[in-house]
């Protein structure tokens, strides 16, 4: 009998804990709808030039065009200007400014973005084989007329990339894996009762941003893998061909322009493939 009572006690204990956890999340979590996006194949083409200033220090300029919707539409231009410094054969630093000009058929070039990033890359070499790890901190400023209740004006990401490369005489095939961490995603605090979003924070629907609790909801929003090859034409000219495979996870907030109504909160997931080609001239 004592064993049965003990088992019942554990049963009631875990039942209470389970109910408590359920109630807690029902009061603090948003009703989120998962949306699976259709697979898509995109494209990128870029041209760059790099100038060596002195040993270890270089500057570079690159122009990139991107296409999306299975190559049916033009997506954006990326114009990058930066510098790199190779400390030694094992460690390299890079920093750059990127001007991003997204394009849409309805609004043309609008919602411009300004981006800066800093890279720290460590690498080791085993004969013709090399292994490198790059950490990038990235800051994007969203210019223009945006809904700040959906997207922060300043967006921060941290990217971590592991690359393996093997160098032949003229060709260097490589693979890499990268994760992108969204550092300051908006945190939403509301419950959906089937008709309206509700909150227990004390603020009422109709107050601007009543559903937001800051921008500290970090999460991994992209897993990327890549296979490609560098082709050395000569000492100054180089090509790069690659295929990217992305698994993206975006938590999308949809509100009215003045932030007084939370209309929808969804988590979009999908696979995107990208074919790319690069040309670089170095001198």
C-alpha atoms as a PDB file:
ATOM      1  CA  UNK A   1       0.000   0.000   0.000  1.00  0.00           C
ATOM      2  CA  UNK A   2       2.826   2.401   0.804  1.00  0.00           C
ATOM      3  CA  UNK A   3       4.310   1.843  -2.662  1.00  0.00           C
ATOM      4  CA  UNK A   4       0.961   2.606  -4.312  1.00  0.00           C
ATOM      5  CA  UNK A   5       0.591   5.811  -2.292  1.00  0.00           C
ATOM      6  CA  UNK A   6       4.109   6.822  -3.256  1.00  0.00           C
ATOM      7  CA  UNK A   7       3.391   6.189  -6.928  1.00  0.00           C
ATOM      8  CA  UNK A   8       0.179   8.221  -6.689  1.00  0.00           C
ATOM      9  CA  UNK A   9       2.043  11.052  -4.996  1.00  0.00           C
ATOM     10  CA  UNK A  10       4.561  11.160  -7.837  1.00  0.00           C
ATOM     11  CA  UNK A  11       1.699  11.026 -10.333  1.00  0.00           C
ATOM     12  CA  UNK A  12      -0.080  14.013  -8.773  1.00  0.00           C
ATOM     13  CA  UNK A  13       3.217  15.888  -8.387  1.00  0.00           C
ATOM     14  CA  UNK A  14       4.122  15.597 -12.084  1.00  0.00           C
ATOM     15  CA  UNK A  15       0.526  16.398 -13.064  1.00  0.00           C
ATOM     16  CA  UNK A  16       0.671  19.646 -11.109  1.00  0.00           C
ATOM     17  CA  UNK A  17       4.064  20.536 -12.623  1.00  0.00           C
ATOM     18  CA  UNK A  18       2.776  19.798 -16.131  1.00  0.00           C
ATOM     19  CA  UNK A  19      -0.336  21.923 -15.625  1.00  0.00           C
ATOM     20  CA  UNK A  20       1.761  24.743 -14.205  1.00  0.00           C
ATOM     21  CA  UNK A  21       4.084  24.745 -17.196  1.00  0.00           C
ATOM     22  CA  UNK A  22       1.110  24.623 -19.577  1.00  0.00           C
ATOM     23  CA  UNK A  23      -0.575  27.569 -17.869  1.00  0.00           C
ATOM     24  CA  UNK A  24       2.651  29.572 -17.837  1.00  0.00           C
ATOM     25  CA  UNK A  25       3.227  29.227 -21.561  1.00  0.00           C
ATOM     26  CA  UNK A  26      -0.418  29.765 -22.392  1.00  0.00           C
ATOM     27  CA  UNK A  27      -0.194  33.148 -20.682  1.00  0.00           C
ATOM     28  CA  UNK A  28       3.143  34.254 -22.114  1.00  0.00           C
ATOM     29  CA  UNK A  29       3.410  32.707 -25.566  1.00  0.00           C
ATOM     30  CA  UNK A  30       1.875  33.953 -28.772  1.00  0.00           C
ATOM     31  CA  UNK A  31      -0.297  31.706 -30.881  1.00  0.00           C
ATOM     32  CA  UNK A  32       2.143  31.157 -33.733  1.00  0.00           C
ATOM     33  CA  UNK A  33       1.241  29.677 -37.097  1.00  0.00           C
ATOM     34  CA  UNK A  34       3.839  27.636 -38.989  1.00  0.00           C
ATOM     35  CA  UNK A  35       4.009  28.271 -42.737  1.00  0.00           C
ATOM     36  CA  UNK A  36       6.043  25.998 -45.033  1.00  0.00           C
ATOM     37  CA  UNK A  37       7.390  27.929 -48.010  1.00  0.00           C
ATOM     38  CA  UNK A  38       7.743  26.319 -51.444  1.00  0.00           C
ATOM     39  CA  UNK A  39      11.336  25.461 -52.450  1.00  0.00           C
ATOM     40  CA  UNK A  40      12.974  28.159 -54.562  1.00  0.00           C
ATOM     41  CA  UNK A  41      16.052  28.479 -56.794  1.00  0.00           C
ATOM     42  CA  UNK A  42      17.819  31.855 -56.878  1.00  0.00           C
ATOM     43  CA  UNK A  43      20.953  33.257 -58.493  1.00  0.00           C
ATOM     44  CA  UNK A  44      23.884  35.592 -57.799  1.00  0.00           C
ATOM     45  CA  UNK A  45      26.496  37.165 -60.058  1.00  0.00           C
ATOM     46  CA  UNK A  46      29.306  39.394 -58.778  1.00  0.00           C
ATOM     47  CA  UNK A  47      32.397  41.238 -60.021  1.00  0.00           C
ATOM     48  CA  UNK A  48      35.125  42.378 -57.649  1.00  0.00           C
ATOM     49  CA  UNK A  49      38.521  44.010 -57.588  1.00  0.00           C
ATOM     50  CA  UNK A  50      41.164  43.753 -54.847  1.00  0.00           C
ATOM     51  CA  UNK A  51      44.255  45.908 -54.379  1.00  0.00           C
ATOM     52  CA  UNK A  52      47.202  44.971 -52.156  1.00  0.00           C
ATOM     53  CA  UNK A  53      48.396  48.071 -50.281  1.00  0.00           C
ATOM     54  CA  UNK A  54      51.345  46.426 -48.576  1.00  0.00           C
ATOM     55  CA  UNK A  55      52.123  43.009 -47.181  1.00  0.00           C
ATOM     56  CA  UNK A  56      49.045  41.659 -45.419  1.00  0.00           C
ATOM     57  CA  UNK A  57      46.790  44.695 -46.061  1.00  0.00           C
ATOM     58  CA  UNK A  58      44.353  44.963 -48.978  1.00  0.00           C
ATOM     59  CA  UNK A  59      41.208  46.843 -50.002  1.00  0.00           C
ATOM     60  CA  UNK A  60      38.380  45.490 -52.138  1.00  0.00           C
ATOM     61  CA  UNK A  61      35.316  46.630 -54.051  1.00  0.00           C
ATOM     62  CA  UNK A  62      32.542  44.286 -55.198  1.00  0.00           C
ATOM     63  CA  UNK A  63      29.253  44.634 -57.054  1.00  0.00           C
ATOM     64  CA  UNK A  64      26.717  41.804 -56.795  1.00  0.00           C
ATOM     65  CA  UNK A  65      23.343  41.271 -58.467  1.00  0.00           C
ATOM     66  CA  UNK A  66      20.808  38.828 -57.031  1.00  0.00           C
ATOM     67  CA  UNK A  67      17.820  37.140 -58.628  1.00  0.00           C
ATOM     68  CA  UNK A  68      14.970  35.298 -56.911  1.00  0.00           C
ATOM     69  CA  UNK A  69      11.655  33.534 -57.573  1.00  0.00           C
ATOM     70  CA  UNK A  70      13.351  30.796 -59.621  1.00  0.00           C
ATOM     71  CA  UNK A  71      15.234  33.410 -61.714  1.00  0.00           C
ATOM     72  CA  UNK A  72      11.957  35.098 -62.702  1.00  0.00           C
ATOM     73  CA  UNK A  73      12.676  38.443 -61.081  1.00  0.00           C
ATOM     74  CA  UNK A  74      15.540  40.719 -60.080  1.00  0.00           C
ATOM     75  CA  UNK A  75      15.974  40.955 -56.306  1.00  0.00           C
ATOM     76  CA  UNK A  76      18.702  43.474 -55.338  1.00  0.00           C
ATOM     77  CA  UNK A  77      22.139  45.003 -55.762  1.00  0.00           C
ATOM     78  CA  UNK A  78      24.905  44.675 -53.148  1.00  0.00           C
ATOM     79  CA  UNK A  79      27.791  47.149 -53.370  1.00  0.00           C
ATOM     80  CA  UNK A  80      30.634  46.336 -50.955  1.00  0.00           C
ATOM     81  CA  UNK A  81      33.727  48.342 -50.027  1.00  0.00           C
ATOM     82  CA  UNK A  82      36.124  47.030 -47.417  1.00  0.00           C
ATOM     83  CA  UNK A  83      39.586  46.106 -46.292  1.00  0.00           C
ATOM     84  CA  UNK A  84      41.344  43.021 -45.026  1.00  0.00           C
ATOM     85  CA  UNK A  85      44.440  42.429 -42.982  1.00  0.00           C
ATOM     86  CA  UNK A  86      46.200  39.078 -42.767  1.00  0.00           C
ATOM     87  CA  UNK A  87      47.956  38.994 -39.421  1.00  0.00           C
ATOM     88  CA  UNK A  88      49.761  35.764 -40.274  1.00  0.00           C
ATOM     89  CA  UNK A  89      49.091  32.506 -42.127  1.00  0.00           C
ATOM     90  CA  UNK A  90      46.637  31.449 -39.428  1.00  0.00           C
ATOM     91  CA  UNK A  91      44.577  34.598 -38.771  1.00  0.00           C
ATOM     92  CA  UNK A  92      42.874  37.277 -40.897  1.00  0.00           C
ATOM     93  CA  UNK A  93      40.628  40.275 -40.152  1.00  0.00           C
ATOM     94  CA  UNK A  94      38.156  41.920 -42.556  1.00  0.00           C
ATOM     95  CA  UNK A  95      35.690  44.769 -42.317  1.00  0.00           C
ATOM     96  CA  UNK A  96      33.377  46.304 -44.914  1.00  0.00           C
ATOM     97  CA  UNK A  97      30.464  48.578 -45.679  1.00  0.00           C
ATOM     98  CA  UNK A  98      27.681  47.219 -47.902  1.00  0.00           C
ATOM     99  CA  UNK A  99      25.035  49.321 -49.649  1.00  0.00           C
ATOM    100  CA  UNK A 100      21.957  47.177 -50.367  1.00  0.00           C
ATOM    101  CA  UNK A 101      19.355  48.264 -52.914  1.00  0.00           C
ATOM    102  CA  UNK A 102      16.348  45.887 -52.926  1.00  0.00           C
ATOM    103  CA  UNK A 103      14.069  46.067 -55.957  1.00  0.00           C
ATOM    104  CA  UNK A 104      10.359  45.405 -56.408  1.00  0.00           C
ATOM    105  CA  UNK A 105       8.216  45.813 -59.523  1.00  0.00           C
ATOM    106  CA  UNK A 106       5.729  47.955 -57.605  1.00  0.00           C
ATOM    107  CA  UNK A 107       8.104  50.305 -55.731  1.00  0.00           C
ATOM    108  CA  UNK A 108      11.346  50.099 -57.703  1.00  0.00           C
ATOM    109  CA  UNK A 109      14.495  50.547 -55.626  1.00  0.00           C
ATOM    110  CA  UNK A 110      13.116  51.220 -52.167  1.00  0.00           C
ATOM    111  CA  UNK A 111      13.711  50.188 -48.553  1.00  0.00           C
ATOM    112  CA  UNK A 112      17.454  50.743 -48.911  1.00  0.00           C
ATOM    113  CA  UNK A 113      19.770  49.160 -46.349  1.00  0.00           C
ATOM    114  CA  UNK A 114      23.190  50.046 -44.991  1.00  0.00           C
ATOM    115  CA  UNK A 115      25.301  47.204 -43.617  1.00  0.00           C
ATOM    116  CA  UNK A 116      28.646  46.916 -41.909  1.00  0.00           C
ATOM    117  CA  UNK A 117      30.397  43.750 -40.828  1.00  0.00           C
ATOM    118  CA  UNK A 118      33.579  42.590 -39.133  1.00  0.00           C
ATOM    119  CA  UNK A 119      35.119  39.163 -39.843  1.00  0.00           C
ATOM    120  CA  UNK A 120      37.663  37.190 -37.854  1.00  0.00           C
ATOM    121  CA  UNK A 121      38.970  34.105 -39.665  1.00  0.00           C
ATOM    122  CA  UNK A 122      41.286  31.441 -38.310  1.00  0.00           C
ATOM    123  CA  UNK A 123      42.738  28.773 -40.589  1.00  0.00           C
ATOM    124  CA  UNK A 124      45.090  25.803 -40.537  1.00  0.00           C
ATOM    125  CA  UNK A 125      46.835  24.120 -43.476  1.00  0.00           C
ATOM    126  CA  UNK A 126      47.765  20.493 -44.050  1.00  0.00           C
ATOM    127  CA  UNK A 127      49.636  20.514 -47.317  1.00  0.00           C
ATOM    128  CA  UNK A 128      47.080  21.288 -50.030  1.00  0.00           C
ATOM    129  CA  UNK A 129      44.170  20.904 -47.614  1.00  0.00           C
ATOM    130  CA  UNK A 130      42.986  23.800 -45.425  1.00  0.00           C
ATOM    131  CA  UNK A 131      40.352  24.201 -42.742  1.00  0.00           C
ATOM    132  CA  UNK A 132      39.058  27.609 -41.663  1.00  0.00           C
ATOM    133  CA  UNK A 133      36.528  29.034 -39.235  1.00  0.00           C
ATOM    134  CA  UNK A 134      35.062  32.520 -39.689  1.00  0.00           C
ATOM    135  CA  UNK A 135      33.006  34.524 -37.220  1.00  0.00           C
ATOM    136  CA  UNK A 136      31.125  37.568 -38.542  1.00  0.00           C
ATOM    137  CA  UNK A 137      29.289  40.281 -36.619  1.00  0.00           C
ATOM    138  CA  UNK A 138      26.872  42.071 -38.930  1.00  0.00           C
ATOM    139  CA  UNK A 139      24.824  45.238 -38.413  1.00  0.00           C
ATOM    140  CA  UNK A 140      22.133  46.265 -40.919  1.00  0.00           C
ATOM    141  CA  UNK A 141      20.378  49.627 -40.784  1.00  0.00           C
ATOM    142  CA  UNK A 142      16.926  49.548 -42.390  1.00  0.00           C
ATOM    143  CA  UNK A 143      16.451  52.926 -44.075  1.00  0.00           C
ATOM    144  CA  UNK A 144      13.274  54.345 -45.540  1.00  0.00           C
ATOM    145  CA  UNK A 145       9.667  53.996 -44.449  1.00  0.00           C
ATOM    146  CA  UNK A 146       9.436  50.692 -42.556  1.00  0.00           C
ATOM    147  CA  UNK A 147       7.033  49.382 -39.952  1.00  0.00           C
ATOM    148  CA  UNK A 148       9.233  49.420 -36.847  1.00  0.00           C
ATOM    149  CA  UNK A 149       6.632  47.327 -35.002  1.00  0.00           C
ATOM    150  CA  UNK A 150       7.426  44.468 -37.418  1.00  0.00           C
ATOM    151  CA  UNK A 151      11.169  44.912 -38.008  1.00  0.00           C
ATOM    152  CA  UNK A 152      13.758  46.725 -35.883  1.00  0.00           C
ATOM    153  CA  UNK A 153      15.414  49.703 -37.530  1.00  0.00           C
ATOM    154  CA  UNK A 154      18.792  48.169 -36.616  1.00  0.00           C
ATOM    155  CA  UNK A 155      19.190  44.417 -37.179  1.00  0.00           C
ATOM    156  CA  UNK A 156      22.121  42.447 -35.741  1.00  0.00           C
ATOM    157  CA  UNK A 157      23.322  39.015 -36.847  1.00  0.00           C
ATOM    158  CA  UNK A 158      26.161  36.708 -35.881  1.00  0.00           C
ATOM    159  CA  UNK A 159      27.396  34.265 -38.531  1.00  0.00           C
ATOM    160  CA  UNK A 160      29.626  31.243 -37.924  1.00  0.00           C
ATOM    161  CA  UNK A 161      31.147  29.441 -40.921  1.00  0.00           C
ATOM    162  CA  UNK A 162      33.351  26.338 -41.171  1.00  0.00           C
ATOM    163  CA  UNK A 163      35.091  25.784 -44.532  1.00  0.00           C
ATOM    164  CA  UNK A 164      37.176  22.919 -45.910  1.00  0.00           C
ATOM    165  CA  UNK A 165      39.192  23.471 -49.120  1.00  0.00           C
ATOM    166  CA  UNK A 166      41.610  21.449 -51.221  1.00  0.00           C
ATOM    167  CA  UNK A 167      43.952  23.242 -53.624  1.00  0.00           C
ATOM    168  CA  UNK A 168      45.034  21.704 -56.882  1.00  0.00           C
ATOM    169  CA  UNK A 169      47.244  23.629 -59.320  1.00  0.00           C
ATOM    170  CA  UNK A 170      44.493  25.842 -60.808  1.00  0.00           C
ATOM    171  CA  UNK A 171      41.325  24.633 -59.099  1.00  0.00           C
ATOM    172  CA  UNK A 172      40.388  24.652 -55.410  1.00  0.00           C
ATOM    173  CA  UNK A 173      37.094  22.881 -54.578  1.00  0.00           C
ATOM    174  CA  UNK A 174      35.550  23.643 -51.183  1.00  0.00           C
ATOM    175  CA  UNK A 175      32.565  23.018 -48.966  1.00  0.00           C
ATOM    176  CA  UNK A 176      31.286  25.030 -46.030  1.00  0.00           C
ATOM    177  CA  UNK A 177      28.543  25.051 -43.413  1.00  0.00           C
ATOM    178  CA  UNK A 178      27.231  28.238 -41.813  1.00  0.00           C
ATOM    179  CA  UNK A 179      24.640  29.223 -39.229  1.00  0.00           C
ATOM    180  CA  UNK A 180      23.186  32.714 -38.867  1.00  0.00           C
ATOM    181  CA  UNK A 181      21.961  33.864 -35.472  1.00  0.00           C
ATOM    182  CA  UNK A 182      19.439  36.714 -35.246  1.00  0.00           C
ATOM    183  CA  UNK A 183      20.585  38.613 -32.154  1.00  0.00           C
ATOM    184  CA  UNK A 184      17.772  41.151 -31.634  1.00  0.00           C
ATOM    185  CA  UNK A 185      14.543  39.651 -32.952  1.00  0.00           C
ATOM    186  CA  UNK A 186      11.322  41.240 -31.614  1.00  0.00           C
ATOM    187  CA  UNK A 187       9.747  39.461 -28.650  1.00  0.00           C
ATOM    188  CA  UNK A 188       5.956  39.219 -28.917  1.00  0.00           C
ATOM    189  CA  UNK A 189       3.727  38.883 -25.868  1.00  0.00           C
ATOM    190  CA  UNK A 190       0.104  38.120 -26.619  1.00  0.00           C
ATOM    191  CA  UNK A 191      -2.415  35.278 -26.796  1.00  0.00           C
ATOM    192  CA  UNK A 192      -4.859  34.525 -29.590  1.00  0.00           C
ATOM    193  CA  UNK A 193      -8.361  33.606 -28.444  1.00  0.00           C
ATOM    194  CA  UNK A 194      -9.641  32.739 -31.922  1.00  0.00           C
ATOM    195  CA  UNK A 195     -10.657  36.289 -32.804  1.00  0.00           C
ATOM    196  CA  UNK A 196      -8.330  38.723 -31.030  1.00  0.00           C
ATOM    197  CA  UNK A 197      -4.826  38.888 -29.600  1.00  0.00           C
ATOM    198  CA  UNK A 198      -4.897  39.412 -25.848  1.00  0.00           C
ATOM    199  CA  UNK A 199      -2.259  40.320 -23.301  1.00  0.00           C
ATOM    200  CA  UNK A 200      -1.955  40.184 -19.519  1.00  0.00           C
ATOM    201  CA  UNK A 201       0.807  42.820 -19.362  1.00  0.00           C
ATOM    202  CA  UNK A 202      -1.585  45.635 -18.461  1.00  0.00           C
ATOM    203  CA  UNK A 203      -1.443  47.435 -21.786  1.00  0.00           C
ATOM    204  CA  UNK A 204      -4.480  47.364 -24.030  1.00  0.00           C
ATOM    205  CA  UNK A 205      -5.038  46.797 -27.730  1.00  0.00           C
ATOM    206  CA  UNK A 206      -4.924  50.240 -29.307  1.00  0.00           C
ATOM    207  CA  UNK A 207      -1.690  51.331 -27.649  1.00  0.00           C
ATOM    208  CA  UNK A 208       1.263  51.462 -30.075  1.00  0.00           C
ATOM    209  CA  UNK A 209       3.460  48.396 -29.680  1.00  0.00           C
ATOM    210  CA  UNK A 210       1.409  46.889 -26.855  1.00  0.00           C
ATOM    211  CA  UNK A 211       2.383  43.369 -27.990  1.00  0.00           C
ATOM    212  CA  UNK A 212       6.177  43.946 -28.035  1.00  0.00           C
ATOM    213  CA  UNK A 213       8.501  43.212 -25.117  1.00  0.00           C
ATOM    214  CA  UNK A 214      11.741  44.425 -26.655  1.00  0.00           C
ATOM    215  CA  UNK A 215      14.211  43.078 -29.211  1.00  0.00           C
ATOM    216  CA  UNK A 216      16.044  40.302 -27.388  1.00  0.00           C
ATOM    217  CA  UNK A 217      14.456  37.220 -28.956  1.00  0.00           C
ATOM    218  CA  UNK A 218      17.579  35.689 -30.456  1.00  0.00           C
ATOM    219  CA  UNK A 219      17.294  32.527 -32.553  1.00  0.00           C
ATOM    220  CA  UNK A 220      19.049  30.765 -35.456  1.00  0.00           C
ATOM    221  CA  UNK A 221      17.183  31.863 -38.573  1.00  0.00           C
ATOM    222  CA  UNK A 222      19.306  30.248 -41.285  1.00  0.00           C
ATOM    223  CA  UNK A 223      21.310  27.062 -41.804  1.00  0.00           C
ATOM    224  CA  UNK A 224      23.478  27.194 -44.928  1.00  0.00           C
ATOM    225  CA  UNK A 225      25.614  24.627 -46.741  1.00  0.00           C
ATOM    226  CA  UNK A 226      27.646  25.233 -49.882  1.00  0.00           C
ATOM    227  CA  UNK A 227      29.730  23.385 -52.441  1.00  0.00           C
ATOM    228  CA  UNK A 228      31.889  25.292 -54.891  1.00  0.00           C
ATOM    229  CA  UNK A 229      35.257  25.757 -56.523  1.00  0.00           C
ATOM    230  CA  UNK A 230      37.755  28.541 -57.080  1.00  0.00           C
ATOM    231  CA  UNK A 231      39.375  28.651 -60.527  1.00  0.00           C
ATOM    232  CA  UNK A 232      42.706  30.477 -60.814  1.00  0.00           C
ATOM    233  CA  UNK A 233      43.016  31.791 -64.367  1.00  0.00           C
ATOM    234  CA  UNK A 234      46.335  33.530 -63.693  1.00  0.00           C
ATOM    235  CA  UNK A 235      48.023  35.595 -60.958  1.00  0.00           C
ATOM    236  CA  UNK A 236      45.455  38.416 -61.277  1.00  0.00           C
ATOM    237  CA  UNK A 237      42.210  36.800 -62.427  1.00  0.00           C
ATOM    238  CA  UNK A 238      40.079  34.309 -60.507  1.00  0.00           C
ATOM    239  CA  UNK A 239      36.619  32.769 -60.846  1.00  0.00           C
ATOM    240  CA  UNK A 240      34.376  31.165 -58.239  1.00  0.00           C
ATOM    241  CA  UNK A 241      31.364  28.944 -58.934  1.00  0.00           C
ATOM    242  CA  UNK A 242      29.119  27.672 -56.160  1.00  0.00           C
ATOM    243  CA  UNK A 243      25.747  26.286 -55.095  1.00  0.00           C
ATOM    244  CA  UNK A 244      24.176  27.348 -51.787  1.00  0.00           C
ATOM    245  CA  UNK A 245      21.513  25.404 -49.936  1.00  0.00           C
ATOM    246  CA  UNK A 246      19.664  27.395 -47.261  1.00  0.00           C
ATOM    247  CA  UNK A 247      17.120  26.302 -44.687  1.00  0.00           C
ATOM    248  CA  UNK A 248      15.534  29.533 -43.466  1.00  0.00           C
ATOM    249  CA  UNK A 249      13.364  30.131 -40.410  1.00  0.00           C
ATOM    250  CA  UNK A 250      11.770  33.582 -40.147  1.00  0.00           C
ATOM    251  CA  UNK A 251       9.373  34.673 -37.416  1.00  0.00           C
ATOM    252  CA  UNK A 252       7.167  37.181 -39.208  1.00  0.00           C
ATOM    253  CA  UNK A 253       5.145  39.809 -37.324  1.00  0.00           C
ATOM    254  CA  UNK A 254       2.302  41.475 -39.238  1.00  0.00           C
ATOM    255  CA  UNK A 255       0.803  44.648 -37.748  1.00  0.00           C
ATOM    256  CA  UNK A 256      -1.037  47.732 -38.890  1.00  0.00           C
ATOM    257  CA  UNK A 257       1.218  50.746 -39.682  1.00  0.00           C
ATOM    258  CA  UNK A 258       0.807  52.474 -36.309  1.00  0.00           C
ATOM    259  CA  UNK A 259       1.366  49.291 -34.289  1.00  0.00           C
ATOM    260  CA  UNK A 260      -1.996  49.276 -32.505  1.00  0.00           C
ATOM    261  CA  UNK A 261      -3.123  45.895 -33.853  1.00  0.00           C
ATOM    262  CA  UNK A 262      -1.245  42.606 -34.049  1.00  0.00           C
ATOM    263  CA  UNK A 263      -2.724  41.000 -37.147  1.00  0.00           C
ATOM    264  CA  UNK A 264      -0.689  37.818 -37.511  1.00  0.00           C
ATOM    265  CA  UNK A 265       2.378  36.074 -36.094  1.00  0.00           C
ATOM    266  CA  UNK A 266       3.840  33.300 -38.232  1.00  0.00           C
ATOM    267  CA  UNK A 267       6.993  31.202 -38.449  1.00  0.00           C
ATOM    268  CA  UNK A 268       7.954  30.748 -42.094  1.00  0.00           C
ATOM    269  CA  UNK A 269      10.220  27.812 -42.971  1.00  0.00           C
ATOM    270  CA  UNK A 270      11.598  26.789 -46.308  1.00  0.00           C
ATOM    271  CA  UNK A 271      14.495  25.644 -48.479  1.00  0.00           C
ATOM    272  CA  UNK A 272      16.225  27.993 -50.923  1.00  0.00           C
ATOM    273  CA  UNK A 273      18.862  26.986 -53.452  1.00  0.00           C
ATOM    274  CA  UNK A 274      21.216  29.527 -55.034  1.00  0.00           C
ATOM    275  CA  UNK A 275      23.529  29.219 -58.032  1.00  0.00           C
ATOM    276  CA  UNK A 276      26.371  31.732 -57.998  1.00  0.00           C
ATOM    277  CA  UNK A 277      29.310  32.930 -60.059  1.00  0.00           C
ATOM    278  CA  UNK A 278      32.033  35.431 -59.088  1.00  0.00           C
ATOM    279  CA  UNK A 279      34.884  37.124 -60.916  1.00  0.00           C
ATOM    280  CA  UNK A 280      37.740  38.871 -59.042  1.00  0.00           C
ATOM    281  CA  UNK A 281      40.673  40.863 -60.341  1.00  0.00           C
ATOM    282  CA  UNK A 282      43.606  41.290 -57.966  1.00  0.00           C
ATOM    283  CA  UNK A 283      46.631  43.542 -58.334  1.00  0.00           C
END
